[in-house]
C-alpha atoms as a PDB file:
ATOM      1  CA  MET A   1      15.126   0.793 -10.403  1.00  0.00           C
ATOM      2  CA  ILE A   2      12.969   2.927  -8.097  1.00  0.00           C
ATOM      3  CA  LYS A   3      10.625   5.649  -9.239  1.00  0.00           C
ATOM      4  CA  GLU A   4       7.725   7.690  -7.907  1.00  0.00           C
ATOM      5  CA  ILE A   5       4.365   6.850  -9.498  1.00  0.00           C
ATOM      6  CA  GLU A   6       0.633   7.280  -8.928  1.00  0.00           C
ATOM      7  CA  PHE A   7      -1.220   4.136  -7.909  1.00  0.00           C
ATOM      8  CA  ILE A   8      -4.974   4.080  -7.236  1.00  0.00           C
ATOM      9  CA  GLU A   9      -4.800   7.904  -7.223  1.00  0.00           C
ATOM     10  CA  LYS A  10      -2.175   7.947  -4.474  1.00  0.00           C
ATOM     11  CA  LYS A  11       1.520   8.798  -4.427  1.00  0.00           C
ATOM     12  CA  ALA A  12       3.484   5.559  -4.490  1.00  0.00           C
ATOM     13  CA  TYR A  13       6.945   4.152  -5.142  1.00  0.00           C
ATOM     14  CA  GLN A  14       7.673   1.419  -7.634  1.00  0.00           C
ATOM     15  CA  LEU A  15      10.664  -0.921  -7.363  1.00  0.00           C
ATOM     16  CA  GLU A  16      11.434  -2.931 -10.476  1.00  0.00           C
ATOM     17  CA  ASN A  17      13.947  -5.428 -11.805  1.00  0.00           C
ATOM     18  CA  GLU A  18      14.002  -7.762 -14.809  1.00  0.00           C
ATOM     19  CA  ARG A  19      11.366 -10.100 -13.382  1.00  0.00           C
ATOM     20  CA  MET A  20       9.489  -8.487 -10.483  1.00  0.00           C
ATOM     21  CA  LEU A  21       7.750  -5.202  -9.730  1.00  0.00           C
ATOM     22  CA  VAL A  22       6.716  -3.883  -6.301  1.00  0.00           C
ATOM     23  CA  VAL A  23       4.532  -0.904  -5.350  1.00  0.00           C
ATOM     24  CA  VAL A  24       4.536   0.693  -1.875  1.00  0.00           C
ATOM     25  CA  ILE A  25       2.111   3.427  -0.763  1.00  0.00           C
ATOM     26  CA  PRO A  26       3.544   5.527   2.112  1.00  0.00           C
ATOM     27  CA  SER A  27       0.242   7.252   2.927  1.00  0.00           C
ATOM     28  CA  GLU A  28      -1.493   3.904   3.440  1.00  0.00           C
ATOM     29  CA  GLY A  29       0.614   2.624   6.317  1.00  0.00           C
ATOM     30  CA  ALA A  30       3.628   1.830   4.106  1.00  0.00           C
ATOM     31  CA  ASN A  31       1.487  -0.866   2.506  1.00  0.00           C
ATOM     32  CA  LEU A  32       3.328  -3.053   0.007  1.00  0.00           C
ATOM     33  CA  ILE A  33       0.221  -3.129  -2.162  1.00  0.00           C
ATOM     34  CA  SER A  34       1.510  -4.939  -5.268  1.00  0.00           C
ATOM     35  CA  LEU A  35       4.016  -7.666  -6.098  1.00  0.00           C
ATOM     36  CA  TYR A  36       3.836  -8.346  -9.829  1.00  0.00           C
ATOM     37  CA  ASP A  37       5.492 -11.175 -11.734  1.00  0.00           C
ATOM     38  CA  LYS A  38       6.316  -9.638 -15.114  1.00  0.00           C
ATOM     39  CA  GLU A  39       7.089 -12.971 -16.762  1.00  0.00           C
ATOM     40  CA  LYS A  40       3.799 -14.571 -15.754  1.00  0.00           C
ATOM     41  CA  ARG A  41       1.854 -11.274 -15.880  1.00  0.00           C
ATOM     42  CA  LEU A  42       0.380 -12.115 -12.498  1.00  0.00           C
ATOM     43  CA  GLU A  43      -0.303 -10.161  -9.299  1.00  0.00           C
ATOM     44  CA  ILE A  44       1.029 -12.277  -6.435  1.00  0.00           C
ATOM     45  CA  LEU A  45      -0.804 -10.262  -3.775  1.00  0.00           C
ATOM     46  CA  ARG A  46      -4.430  -9.201  -3.815  1.00  0.00           C
ATOM     47  CA  THR A  47      -4.059  -5.822  -5.452  1.00  0.00           C
ATOM     48  CA  PRO A  48      -6.835  -3.268  -6.099  1.00  0.00           C
ATOM     49  CA  LYS A  49      -7.482  -1.973  -9.597  1.00  0.00           C
ATOM     50  CA  THR A  50      -9.210   1.227  -8.453  1.00  0.00           C
ATOM     51  CA  LEU A  51      -9.400   3.502  -5.426  1.00  0.00           C
ATOM     52  CA  ASP A  52     -13.054   2.584  -4.897  1.00  0.00           C
ATOM     53  CA  GLU A  53     -12.206  -1.116  -4.824  1.00  0.00           C
ATOM     54  CA  TYR A  54      -9.433  -0.493  -2.308  1.00  0.00           C
ATOM     55  CA  GLU A  55     -11.574   1.668  -0.035  1.00  0.00           C
ATOM     56  CA  SER A  56     -14.342  -0.925   0.007  1.00  0.00           C
ATOM     57  CA  ARG A  57     -12.192  -3.061   2.345  1.00  0.00           C
ATOM     58  CA  LYS A  58      -8.660  -1.753   2.713  1.00  0.00           C
ATOM     59  CA  MET A  59      -7.457  -4.449   5.057  1.00  0.00           C
ATOM     60  CA  THR A  60      -7.759  -7.157   2.386  1.00  0.00           C
ATOM     61  CA  PHE A  61      -5.265  -5.677  -0.081  1.00  0.00           C
ATOM     62  CA  GLY A  62      -1.487  -5.923   0.061  1.00  0.00           C
ATOM     63  CA  THR A  63       0.376  -6.207   3.356  1.00  0.00           C
ATOM     64  CA  PRO A  64      -1.125  -3.920   6.046  1.00  0.00           C
ATOM     65  CA  VAL A  65       1.057  -3.622   9.168  1.00  0.00           C
ATOM     66  CA  LEU A  66      -0.815  -4.543  12.351  1.00  0.00           C
ATOM     67  CA  PHE A  67       0.343  -3.027  15.625  1.00  0.00           C
ATOM     68  CA  PRO A  68      -1.143  -4.556  17.660  1.00  0.00           C
ATOM     69  CA  PRO A  69      -2.609  -7.350  15.512  1.00  0.00           C
ATOM     70  CA  ASN A  70      -6.262  -8.395  15.486  1.00  0.00           C
ATOM     71  CA  ARG A  71      -8.659  -7.804  18.372  1.00  0.00           C
ATOM     72  CA  ILE A  72      -8.276  -6.337  21.851  1.00  0.00           C
ATOM     73  CA  GLU A  73     -11.191  -7.180  24.128  1.00  0.00           C
ATOM     74  CA  ASP A  74     -13.280  -4.138  25.099  1.00  0.00           C
ATOM     75  CA  ALA A  75     -10.517  -2.031  23.471  1.00  0.00           C
ATOM     76  CA  THR A  76      -8.566  -2.012  26.714  1.00  0.00           C
ATOM     77  CA  PHE A  77      -5.860  -3.912  28.598  1.00  0.00           C
ATOM     78  CA  THR A  78      -3.459  -3.449  31.495  1.00  0.00           C
ATOM     79  CA  PHE A  79       0.296  -3.804  31.135  1.00  0.00           C
ATOM     80  CA  ASP A  80       2.989  -3.134  33.737  1.00  0.00           C
ATOM     81  CA  GLY A  81       0.367  -1.580  36.006  1.00  0.00           C
ATOM     82  CA  ARG A  82      -0.816   0.873  33.330  1.00  0.00           C
ATOM     83  CA  LYS A  83      -4.234   0.826  31.651  1.00  0.00           C
ATOM     84  CA  TYR A  84      -4.334   1.263  27.884  1.00  0.00           C
ATOM     85  CA  GLU A  85      -7.564   2.436  26.244  1.00  0.00           C
ATOM     86  CA  LEU A  86      -7.615   1.941  22.479  1.00  0.00           C
ATOM     87  CA  GLU A  87     -10.053   3.227  19.877  1.00  0.00           C
ATOM     88  CA  MET A  88     -13.322   1.294  19.797  1.00  0.00           C
ATOM     89  CA  ASN A  89     -13.184   0.663  16.047  1.00  0.00           C
ATOM     90  CA  ARG A  90     -15.093  -2.630  16.073  1.00  0.00           C
ATOM     91  CA  ALA A  91     -18.171  -1.500  17.951  1.00  0.00           C
ATOM     92  CA  LYS A  92     -20.364  -4.436  16.917  1.00  0.00           C
ATOM     93  CA  GLU A  93     -18.027  -6.719  18.898  1.00  0.00           C
ATOM     94  CA  ASN A  94     -16.996  -4.136  21.505  1.00  0.00           C
ATOM     95  CA  ASN A  95     -13.385  -4.644  20.436  1.00  0.00           C
ATOM     96  CA  HIS A  96     -10.461  -2.723  19.037  1.00  0.00           C
ATOM     97  CA  ILE A  97      -9.019  -4.282  15.887  1.00  0.00           C
ATOM     98  CA  HIS A  98      -5.694  -4.163  13.999  1.00  0.00           C
ATOM     99  CA  GLY A  99      -3.979  -1.267  15.742  1.00  0.00           C
ATOM    100  CA  PHE A 100      -3.072   2.246  14.699  1.00  0.00           C
ATOM    101  CA  VAL A 101      -0.220   2.267  12.169  1.00  0.00           C
ATOM    102  CA  HIS A 102      -1.793   0.690   9.054  1.00  0.00           C
ATOM    103  CA  ASN A 103      -3.780   3.843   8.247  1.00  0.00           C
ATOM    104  CA  LYS A 104      -1.081   6.454   8.878  1.00  0.00           C
ATOM    105  CA  GLU A 105       1.258   8.289   6.552  1.00  0.00           C
ATOM    106  CA  TRP A 106       4.796   6.939   6.729  1.00  0.00           C
ATOM    107  CA  LYS A 107       7.643   9.100   5.464  1.00  0.00           C
ATOM    108  CA  VAL A 108      10.257   7.997   2.962  1.00  0.00           C
ATOM    109  CA  LYS A 109      13.560   7.984   4.817  1.00  0.00           C
ATOM    110  CA  GLU A 110      15.868   6.706   2.081  1.00  0.00           C
ATOM    111  CA  MET A 111      16.033   4.949  -1.278  1.00  0.00           C
ATOM    112  CA  ASN A 112      18.867   2.803  -2.574  1.00  0.00           C
ATOM    113  CA  GLN A 113      18.827   2.362  -6.343  1.00  0.00           C
ATOM    114  CA  GLU A 114      21.700  -0.135  -6.320  1.00  0.00           C
ATOM    115  CA  GLU A 115      20.059  -2.430  -3.775  1.00  0.00           C
ATOM    116  CA  ASN A 116      16.529  -1.753  -5.081  1.00  0.00           C
ATOM    117  CA  SER A 117      15.323  -0.924  -1.576  1.00  0.00           C
ATOM    118  CA  ILE A 118      13.287   1.767   0.140  1.00  0.00           C
ATOM    119  CA  VAL A 119      12.986   2.662   3.837  1.00  0.00           C
ATOM    120  CA  LEU A 120       9.829   4.245   5.262  1.00  0.00           C
ATOM    121  CA  GLN A 121       9.480   5.588   8.771  1.00  0.00           C
ATOM    122  CA  LEU A 122       6.699   6.328  11.255  1.00  0.00           C
ATOM    123  CA  ARG A 123       7.253   8.294  14.465  1.00  0.00           C
ATOM    124  CA  SER A 124       4.466   7.954  17.010  1.00  0.00           C
ATOM    125  CA  ILE A 125       4.867  11.493  18.375  1.00  0.00           C
ATOM    126  CA  GLU A 126       3.808  12.876  14.995  1.00  0.00           C
ATOM    127  CA  HIS A 127       0.374  11.263  15.381  1.00  0.00           C
ATOM    128  CA  LYS A 128      -1.756  12.494  18.279  1.00  0.00           C
ATOM    129  CA  ASP A 129      -4.276   9.682  17.911  1.00  0.00           C
ATOM    130  CA  ILE A 130      -1.514   7.097  18.375  1.00  0.00           C
ATOM    131  CA  VAL A 131      -0.131   8.721  21.513  1.00  0.00           C
ATOM    132  CA  SER A 132      -3.614   9.146  22.996  1.00  0.00           C
ATOM    133  CA  GLN A 133      -4.130   5.374  22.780  1.00  0.00           C
ATOM    134  CA  PHE A 134      -0.588   4.197  23.276  1.00  0.00           C
ATOM    135  CA  PRO A 135       1.401   6.670  25.411  1.00  0.00           C
ATOM    136  CA  HIS A 136       4.864   5.679  24.224  1.00  0.00           C
ATOM    137  CA  GLU A 137       7.281   7.369  21.879  1.00  0.00           C
ATOM    138  CA  PHE A 138       8.385   4.786  19.332  1.00  0.00           C
ATOM    139  CA  VAL A 139       9.848   4.716  15.838  1.00  0.00           C
ATOM    140  CA  MET A 140       8.930   2.134  13.207  1.00  0.00           C
ATOM    141  CA  GLU A 141      10.908   1.624  10.018  1.00  0.00           C
ATOM    142  CA  MET A 142       9.866  -0.536   7.103  1.00  0.00           C
ATOM    143  CA  THR A 143      12.588  -1.617   4.673  1.00  0.00           C
ATOM    144  CA  VAL A 144      11.333  -3.120   1.418  1.00  0.00           C
ATOM    145  CA  ILE A 145      13.942  -4.934  -0.693  1.00  0.00           C
ATOM    146  CA  LEU A 146      13.124  -6.200  -4.167  1.00  0.00           C
ATOM    147  CA  THR A 147      14.972  -9.437  -4.910  1.00  0.00           C
ATOM    148  CA  ASN A 148      15.414 -11.439  -8.116  1.00  0.00           C
ATOM    149  CA  ASP A 149      12.578 -13.765  -7.134  1.00  0.00           C
ATOM    150  CA  GLY A 150      10.386 -11.737  -4.790  1.00  0.00           C
ATOM    151  CA  VAL A 151      10.513  -9.256  -1.952  1.00  0.00           C
ATOM    152  CA  GLU A 152      11.804  -8.972   1.614  1.00  0.00           C
ATOM    153  CA  GLN A 153      10.287  -6.772   4.328  1.00  0.00           C
ATOM    154  CA  ARG A 154      12.244  -5.796   7.426  1.00  0.00           C
ATOM    155  CA  LEU A 155      10.184  -4.058  10.088  1.00  0.00           C
ATOM    156  CA  THR A 156      12.083  -2.540  13.022  1.00  0.00           C
ATOM    157  CA  ILE A 157      10.633  -0.829  16.059  1.00  0.00           C
ATOM    158  CA  LYS A 158      12.513   1.178  18.663  1.00  0.00           C
ATOM    159  CA  ASN A 159      11.141   2.223  22.040  1.00  0.00           C
ATOM    160  CA  ASP A 160      12.161   5.850  22.569  1.00  0.00           C
ATOM    161  CA  SER A 161      10.040   6.220  25.687  1.00  0.00           C
ATOM    162  CA  GLU A 162      11.302   5.793  29.232  1.00  0.00           C
ATOM    163  CA  LYS A 163       8.881   2.985  30.052  1.00  0.00           C
ATOM    164  CA  THR A 164       8.713  -0.599  28.834  1.00  0.00           C
ATOM    165  CA  MET A 165       6.016  -0.953  26.164  1.00  0.00           C
ATOM    166  CA  PRO A 166       3.901  -3.970  25.161  1.00  0.00           C
ATOM    167  CA  LEU A 167       4.782  -5.329  21.738  1.00  0.00           C
ATOM    168  CA  GLY A 168       2.752  -7.358  19.261  1.00  0.00           C
ATOM    169  CA  ILE A 169       3.343  -7.194  15.501  1.00  0.00           C
ATOM    170  CA  GLY A 170       1.462  -8.703  12.570  1.00  0.00           C
ATOM    171  CA  TYR A 171       0.718  -8.438   8.861  1.00  0.00           C
ATOM    172  CA  HIS A 172      -2.638  -8.834   7.103  1.00  0.00           C
ATOM    173  CA  THR A 173      -0.864 -10.214   4.024  1.00  0.00           C
ATOM    174  CA  THR A 174      -3.468 -11.029   1.392  1.00  0.00           C
ATOM    175  CA  PHE A 175      -2.573 -13.126  -1.645  1.00  0.00           C
ATOM    176  CA  PHE A 176      -4.300 -13.765  -4.930  1.00  0.00           C
ATOM    177  CA  PHE A 177      -5.673 -17.304  -4.635  1.00  0.00           C
ATOM    178  CA  ASP A 178      -7.761 -18.924  -7.355  1.00  0.00           C
ATOM    179  CA  GLN A 179     -10.345 -20.915  -5.415  1.00  0.00           C
ATOM    180  CA  ASN A 180     -10.672 -23.426  -8.247  1.00  0.00           C
ATOM    181  CA  GLU A 181      -7.039 -24.360  -8.744  1.00  0.00           C
ATOM    182  CA  SER A 182      -4.656 -22.759  -6.211  1.00  0.00           C
ATOM    183  CA  VAL A 183      -3.331 -25.036  -3.450  1.00  0.00           C
ATOM    184  CA  LEU A 184      -2.188 -24.009   0.049  1.00  0.00           C
ATOM    185  CA  ASN A 185       0.504 -26.079   1.748  1.00  0.00           C
ATOM    186  CA  MET A 186       1.592 -25.283   5.315  1.00  0.00           C
ATOM    187  CA  GLU A 187       2.093 -26.778   8.739  1.00  0.00           C
ATOM    188  CA  ILE A 188      -0.142 -25.443  11.493  1.00  0.00           C
ATOM    189  CA  GLY A 189      -0.139 -26.129  15.207  1.00  0.00           C
ATOM    190  CA  ASN A 190      -3.095 -26.142  17.567  1.00  0.00           C
ATOM    191  CA  GLN A 191      -6.116 -24.071  16.605  1.00  0.00           C
ATOM    192  CA  TRP A 192      -7.263 -21.469  19.113  1.00  0.00           C
ATOM    193  CA  GLU A 193     -10.913 -21.745  20.111  1.00  0.00           C
ATOM    194  CA  LEU A 194     -12.616 -18.409  19.446  1.00  0.00           C
ATOM    195  CA  GLY A 195     -15.741 -17.027  21.096  1.00  0.00           C
ATOM    196  CA  GLU A 196     -18.554 -15.130  19.390  1.00  0.00           C
ATOM    197  CA  ARG A 197     -16.513 -11.898  19.485  1.00  0.00           C
ATOM    198  CA  GLY A 198     -13.564 -13.457  17.683  1.00  0.00           C
ATOM    199  CA  LEU A 199     -11.491 -13.670  20.872  1.00  0.00           C
ATOM    200  CA  PRO A 200      -9.511 -16.718  22.055  1.00  0.00           C
ATOM    201  CA  THR A 201     -11.130 -18.515  24.969  1.00  0.00           C
ATOM    202  CA  GLY A 202      -7.789 -19.928  26.126  1.00  0.00           C
ATOM    203  CA  GLU A 203      -8.728 -23.412  24.932  1.00  0.00           C
ATOM    204  CA  PHE A 204      -7.486 -25.259  21.847  1.00  0.00           C
ATOM    205  CA  LEU A 205      -9.143 -27.301  19.122  1.00  0.00           C
ATOM    206  CA  GLN A 206      -7.941 -29.965  16.742  1.00  0.00           C
ATOM    207  CA  SER A 207      -8.196 -28.374  13.306  1.00  0.00           C
ATOM    208  CA  PRO A 208      -9.987 -30.550  10.725  1.00  0.00           C
ATOM    209  CA  TYR A 209      -7.618 -29.129   8.101  1.00  0.00           C
ATOM    210  CA  GLN A 210      -4.290 -29.764   9.818  1.00  0.00           C
ATOM    211  CA  GLY A 211      -3.419 -32.914   7.887  1.00  0.00           C
ATOM    212  CA  LYS A 212      -4.854 -31.697   4.595  1.00  0.00           C
ATOM    213  CA  LEU A 213      -2.936 -28.420   4.730  1.00  0.00           C
ATOM    214  CA  SER A 214       0.353 -30.212   5.329  1.00  0.00           C
ATOM    215  CA  GLU A 215      -0.255 -32.210   2.141  1.00  0.00           C
ATOM    216  CA  GLY A 216      -1.581 -29.309   0.051  1.00  0.00           C
ATOM    217  CA  MET A 217      -5.237 -28.263   0.023  1.00  0.00           C
ATOM    218  CA  LEU A 218      -7.778 -26.587  -2.236  1.00  0.00           C
ATOM    219  CA  LEU A 219      -9.927 -24.068  -0.341  1.00  0.00           C
ATOM    220  CA  LYS A 220     -12.944 -23.757  -2.625  1.00  0.00           C
ATOM    221  CA  ASP A 221     -16.085 -22.839  -0.614  1.00  0.00           C
ATOM    222  CA  ILE A 222     -14.177 -23.073   2.697  1.00  0.00           C
ATOM    223  CA  ALA A 223     -14.743 -19.994   4.849  1.00  0.00           C
ATOM    224  CA  LEU A 224     -11.795 -19.465   7.189  1.00  0.00           C
ATOM    225  CA  ASP A 225     -11.207 -16.901   9.902  1.00  0.00           C
ATOM    226  CA  ASP A 226      -9.106 -19.035  12.209  1.00  0.00           C
ATOM    227  CA  VAL A 227      -6.105 -18.602  14.499  1.00  0.00           C
ATOM    228  CA  TYR A 228      -3.376 -21.225  14.869  1.00  0.00           C
ATOM    229  CA  GLN A 229      -0.143 -21.636  16.737  1.00  0.00           C
ATOM    230  CA  MET A 230       2.822 -21.862  14.378  1.00  0.00           C
ATOM    231  CA  SER A 231       4.859 -25.009  14.048  1.00  0.00           C
ATOM    232  CA  ASN A 232       8.640 -24.861  13.722  1.00  0.00           C
ATOM    233  CA  VAL A 233       8.151 -24.560   9.951  1.00  0.00           C
ATOM    234  CA  LYS A 234       7.390 -20.867   9.690  1.00  0.00           C
ATOM    235  CA  LYS A 235       6.258 -20.663   6.101  1.00  0.00           C
ATOM    236  CA  ALA A 236       3.243 -21.087   3.855  1.00  0.00           C
ATOM    237  CA  VAL A 237       3.376 -22.193   0.212  1.00  0.00           C
ATOM    238  CA  ILE A 238       0.805 -21.397  -2.471  1.00  0.00           C
ATOM    239  CA  GLN A 239       0.913 -23.334  -5.723  1.00  0.00           C
ATOM    240  CA  HIS A 240      -0.758 -21.740  -8.738  1.00  0.00           C
ATOM    241  CA  LYS A 241      -0.958 -24.764 -10.994  1.00  0.00           C
ATOM    242  CA  LYS A 242      -2.374 -22.972 -14.017  1.00  0.00           C
ATOM    243  CA  GLU A 243       0.435 -20.390 -13.976  1.00  0.00           C
ATOM    244  CA  LYS A 244       2.970 -23.042 -12.905  1.00  0.00           C
ATOM    245  CA  ILE A 245       4.420 -20.996 -10.061  1.00  0.00           C
ATOM    246  CA  GLU A 246       4.948 -21.505  -6.351  1.00  0.00           C
ATOM    247  CA  VAL A 247       4.750 -18.625  -3.871  1.00  0.00           C
ATOM    248  CA  THR A 248       6.509 -19.109  -0.517  1.00  0.00           C
ATOM    249  CA  TYR A 249       5.770 -16.783   2.395  1.00  0.00           C
ATOM    250  CA  GLU A 250       8.426 -17.218   5.085  1.00  0.00           C
ATOM    251  CA  VAL A 251       8.678 -15.408   8.428  1.00  0.00           C
ATOM    252  CA  ASP A 252      11.317 -15.229  11.133  1.00  0.00           C
ATOM    253  CA  GLU A 253      11.376 -16.734  14.612  1.00  0.00           C
ATOM    254  CA  LYS A 254       9.699 -13.730  16.285  1.00  0.00           C
ATOM    255  CA  PHE A 255       6.393 -14.771  14.743  1.00  0.00           C
ATOM    256  CA  ASN A 256       4.542 -17.614  16.432  1.00  0.00           C
ATOM    257  CA  GLN A 257       0.887 -17.432  15.349  1.00  0.00           C
ATOM    258  CA  TRP A 258      -0.958 -17.702  12.002  1.00  0.00           C
ATOM    259  CA  VAL A 259      -4.353 -16.387  11.012  1.00  0.00           C
ATOM    260  CA  LEU A 260      -5.996 -17.735   7.844  1.00  0.00           C
ATOM    261  CA  PHE A 261      -8.847 -15.685   6.386  1.00  0.00           C
ATOM    262  CA  THR A 262     -10.822 -16.415   3.223  1.00  0.00           C
ATOM    263  CA  ALA A 263     -13.970 -14.367   3.979  1.00  0.00           C
ATOM    264  CA  ASP A 264     -16.869 -16.359   2.482  1.00  0.00           C
ATOM    265  CA  GLY A 265     -14.589 -18.903   0.824  1.00  0.00           C
ATOM    266  CA  LYS A 266     -15.872 -17.911  -2.603  1.00  0.00           C
ATOM    267  CA  SER A 267     -13.479 -15.061  -3.397  1.00  0.00           C
ATOM    268  CA  ASP A 268     -10.125 -15.406  -5.103  1.00  0.00           C
ATOM    269  CA  PHE A 269      -7.948 -14.426  -2.151  1.00  0.00           C
ATOM    270  CA  ILE A 270      -6.498 -15.694   1.085  1.00  0.00           C
ATOM    271  CA  ALA A 271      -5.032 -13.666   3.923  1.00  0.00           C
ATOM    272  CA  ILE A 272      -2.085 -15.485   5.492  1.00  0.00           C
ATOM    273  CA  GLU A 273      -1.381 -13.397   8.574  1.00  0.00           C
ATOM    274  CA  PRO A 274       1.740 -13.909  10.713  1.00  0.00           C
ATOM    275  CA  TYR A 275       1.509 -12.541  14.269  1.00  0.00           C
ATOM    276  CA  SER A 276       4.120 -12.229  17.001  1.00  0.00           C
ATOM    277  CA  TRP A 277       1.370 -12.473  19.618  1.00  0.00           C
ATOM    278  CA  VAL A 278      -2.056 -14.040  19.460  1.00  0.00           C
ATOM    279  CA  THR A 279      -5.295 -12.077  19.264  1.00  0.00           C
ATOM    280  CA  ASN A 280      -5.994 -10.318  22.599  1.00  0.00           C
ATOM    281  CA  ALA A 281      -2.720 -11.559  24.117  1.00  0.00           C
ATOM    282  CA  PRO A 282      -2.490  -8.824  26.813  1.00  0.00           C
ATOM    283  CA  ASN A 283      -5.827  -9.947  28.269  1.00  0.00           C
ATOM    284  CA  LEU A 284      -5.122 -13.694  28.297  1.00  0.00           C
ATOM    285  CA  THR A 285      -3.987 -15.390  31.498  1.00  0.00           C
ATOM    286  CA  LEU A 286      -1.693 -17.853  29.764  1.00  0.00           C
ATOM    287  CA  PRO A 287       2.118 -18.057  29.685  1.00  0.00           C
ATOM    288  CA  LYS A 288       3.819 -15.728  27.219  1.00  0.00           C
ATOM    289  CA  GLU A 289       5.392 -18.796  25.612  1.00  0.00           C
ATOM    290  CA  VAL A 290       1.846 -19.717  24.530  1.00  0.00           C
ATOM    291  CA  THR A 291       0.433 -16.282  23.665  1.00  0.00           C
ATOM    292  CA  GLY A 292       3.573 -14.632  22.298  1.00  0.00           C
ATOM    293  CA  MET A 293       3.050 -11.697  24.675  1.00  0.00           C
ATOM    294  CA  ASP A 294       6.134  -9.513  24.356  1.00  0.00           C
ATOM    295  CA  GLU A 295       7.595  -6.195  25.444  1.00  0.00           C
ATOM    296  CA  LEU A 296      10.171  -3.651  24.341  1.00  0.00           C
ATOM    297  CA  LEU A 297      12.433  -2.082  26.942  1.00  0.00           C
ATOM    298  CA  SER A 298      13.319   1.593  26.893  1.00  0.00           C
ATOM    299  CA  GLY A 299      15.826   2.153  24.089  1.00  0.00           C
ATOM    300  CA  GLU A 300      15.467  -1.413  22.788  1.00  0.00           C
ATOM    301  CA  VAL A 301      15.097  -2.275  19.097  1.00  0.00           C
ATOM    302  CA  LYS A 302      13.526  -5.403  17.589  1.00  0.00           C
ATOM    303  CA  GLN A 303      13.296  -6.443  13.952  1.00  0.00           C
ATOM    304  CA  TYR A 304      10.785  -8.659  12.165  1.00  0.00           C
ATOM    305  CA  VAL A 305      11.665 -10.163   8.769  1.00  0.00           C
ATOM    306  CA  THR A 306       9.305 -11.663   6.194  1.00  0.00           C
ATOM    307  CA  LYS A 307      10.027 -12.862   2.652  1.00  0.00           C
ATOM    308  CA  ILE A 308       7.877 -13.680  -0.366  1.00  0.00           C
ATOM    309  CA  LYS A 309       9.564 -15.868  -2.962  1.00  0.00           C
ATOM    310  CA  VAL A 310       8.169 -16.726  -6.410  1.00  0.00           C
ATOM    311  CA  GLU A 311       9.466 -19.788  -8.275  1.00  0.00           C
ATOM    312  CA  GLU A 312       8.447 -21.746 -11.360  1.00  0.00           C
ATOM    313  CA  ILE A 313       7.244 -25.322 -10.906  1.00  0.00           C
END
């Protein structure tokens, strides 16, 4: 069942079945802001209770879409002989961060009551501040499908411009995570070394948490803001032992980098961020097989699929 509701004082759409409930806010970048387990009475994502709470740090609630993801050094890069100048929205680091679609109004294109799905669309030409930074006509569509045990997101992007465009996609997916009892289990590859501005140096580190994460790890008092290459196992698993549930976040083969963010390590959340290219990829002089640097030809369409599954343990 799909219905229009108000959520944190904004127009939203709620998808519901016997077990799960999802809320999507079109005006906030098509953010899937809530995934609620009705049986356990538990928010799976980090979900704001009020508008003020949400506006205090929007990026750490729900599933903001990042295009491009994370930081771009000096808010500029060159691709295919063209210079791109992005908004300087991280002035203290002299960087651009997280792109220009997560804070735009997406339009509802269609709803399917039988499939419990909704499609939202963003057209770049309808947003002058996108085109001024990124001079390509493109169309993004977000399909949200409520399943019996979770939710699936399918993000497609089509290049309607005549020129090849650079392409990097990510999500700032932020989960509820009880620092005292929740356990994170995932495989990570090499950790990118980051400089003072949060940019990869091009070198790699051996993460002290690699082995512990693969076995299952508590994160109490551990402050993370780290970037890792993905292994072939493209999923992360959170176990909430008190609620006796397991949350699996699985992504498709187009994603090849993870970011883990816990802020100060004392808050009950973790951002598990899948990226198709690494932070600042267009400015790195490394092979695209390492950075994930990608492009979209004129008329080409690519799709990115992520799934969140909730199971009892």
